Protein backbone atom coordinates (compact mmCIF):
# COMPACT_ATOMS: atom_id res chain seq x y z
CA MET A 1 36.87 149.96 59.90
CA GLY A 2 37.72 152.39 62.52
CA LEU A 3 38.18 151.67 66.22
CA GLU A 4 34.54 153.31 66.95
CA GLU A 5 32.96 150.61 64.57
CA LEU A 6 35.11 147.67 66.38
CA GLU A 7 33.66 148.98 69.62
CA HIS A 8 29.91 148.83 68.14
CA ILE A 9 30.61 145.66 66.90
CA ALA A 10 31.96 144.14 70.37
CA VAL A 11 29.09 146.12 72.18
CA ILE A 12 26.55 144.17 69.63
CA LEU A 13 28.53 140.88 69.98
CA GLY A 14 28.04 141.36 73.61
CA LEU A 15 24.66 141.84 73.73
CA LEU A 16 23.98 138.97 71.31
CA GLY A 17 26.10 136.53 74.04
CA GLY A 18 24.06 137.91 76.73
CA LEU A 19 20.75 137.30 74.80
CA PHE A 20 21.87 133.83 73.94
CA HIS A 21 22.97 132.94 77.16
CA PHE A 22 19.82 134.06 78.76
CA ALA A 23 17.38 132.85 75.88
CA VAL A 24 19.18 129.26 75.28
CA LEU A 25 22.01 128.46 77.79
CA ARG A 26 20.08 129.14 81.18
CA PRO A 27 17.08 127.15 80.28
CA LEU A 28 19.35 124.55 78.98
CA TYR A 29 21.06 124.38 82.23
CA ASN A 30 17.91 124.45 84.31
CA ALA A 31 16.35 121.63 82.14
CA ILE A 32 19.61 119.76 82.58
CA THR A 33 19.46 120.25 86.43
CA LYS A 34 15.95 118.85 86.67
CA PHE A 35 16.67 115.71 84.71
CA GLU A 36 19.58 115.29 86.98
CA LEU A 37 17.12 115.36 89.97
CA ALA A 38 14.60 113.17 88.10
CA ILE A 39 17.18 110.61 87.31
CA GLU A 40 18.60 110.24 90.94
CA GLU A 41 15.10 110.10 91.92
CA LEU A 42 14.54 107.29 89.71
CA ARG A 43 17.77 105.66 90.84
CA GLY A 44 16.61 105.82 94.26
CA ASP A 45 13.09 103.98 93.23
CA ILE A 46 14.75 101.33 91.58
CA ARG A 47 17.19 100.48 94.43
CA ARG A 48 13.86 100.74 96.85
CA ASN A 49 12.24 98.16 94.14
CA GLU A 50 15.35 95.98 94.08
CA GLU A 51 14.98 95.69 97.80
CA ARG A 52 10.98 95.09 97.43
CA TRP A 53 12.01 92.36 94.98
CA HIS A 54 14.41 90.62 97.22
CA VAL A 55 12.29 90.60 99.65
CA LEU A 56 9.47 89.24 98.05
CA SER A 57 11.57 86.48 96.43
CA VAL A 58 12.85 85.02 99.84
CA LYS A 59 9.24 84.93 101.34
CA LEU A 60 8.21 83.06 97.93
CA ALA A 61 11.17 80.66 98.34
CA GLU A 62 10.16 80.55 102.14
CA LEU A 63 6.10 79.52 100.85
CA ASP A 64 7.15 77.39 98.34
CA GLN A 65 9.24 75.33 100.79
CA ARG A 66 6.32 75.46 103.21
CA ALA A 67 3.79 74.36 100.27
CA LYS A 68 6.26 71.22 99.50
CA SER A 69 6.37 70.39 103.29
CA ALA A 70 2.51 70.30 103.53
CA HIS A 71 2.25 68.13 100.24
CA HIS A 72 4.76 65.76 101.93
CA ARG A 73 2.71 65.71 105.10
CA ILE A 74 -0.76 65.28 103.02
CA ASP A 75 0.98 62.40 101.05
CA GLU A 76 2.08 60.93 104.08
CA PHE A 77 -1.38 61.26 105.98
CA VAL A 78 -2.86 59.45 102.66
CA LYS A 79 -0.81 56.77 102.89
CA VAL A 80 -1.34 56.12 106.30
CA TYR A 81 -5.29 56.57 106.20
CA GLU A 82 -5.06 53.98 102.78
CA THR A 83 -3.30 51.60 104.86
CA THR A 84 -5.70 51.82 108.04
CA TYR A 85 -8.69 51.78 106.17
CA ASN A 86 -7.35 49.41 103.24
CA VAL A 87 -8.68 52.24 100.57
CA LYS A 88 -7.27 53.98 97.65
CA ILE A 89 -7.67 57.71 97.56
CA PRO A 90 -7.34 59.05 93.64
CA HIS A 91 -4.84 61.58 93.60
CA PRO A 92 -5.24 64.53 90.84
CA ARG A 93 -1.46 63.54 90.06
CA ASP A 94 -2.37 59.71 89.29
CA LYS A 95 -4.87 60.79 86.71
CA GLU A 96 -6.17 64.16 85.06
CA VAL A 97 -9.60 64.35 86.23
CA THR A 98 -12.05 65.37 83.16
CA LYS A 99 -15.82 66.52 83.24
CA GLU A 100 -16.41 63.57 81.78
CA ASP A 101 -14.88 61.52 84.54
CA GLY A 102 -16.50 64.00 87.18
CA GLU A 103 -20.07 63.38 86.02
């Protein structure tokens, strides 16, 4: 092989390398960059959702405490009412009310 043939091979390999870069590597780089941006956006969404979840969990715990407190007050009211008027008010926890019992 002569020097001229080596020059031709080097030029051809350079052209093929350039084509490979533009046809394969550049689109892959662009796709990877888009995926990185999408992943960062998803991470932000996850952080915001975790914060919302925490806020909702706290609110749910507060509501649960309020419901327990309200049930306690209702139970106390029922006791006072039953004692005052000498009656027994049925409580759903005392007996499962079925359709047959209600009719």
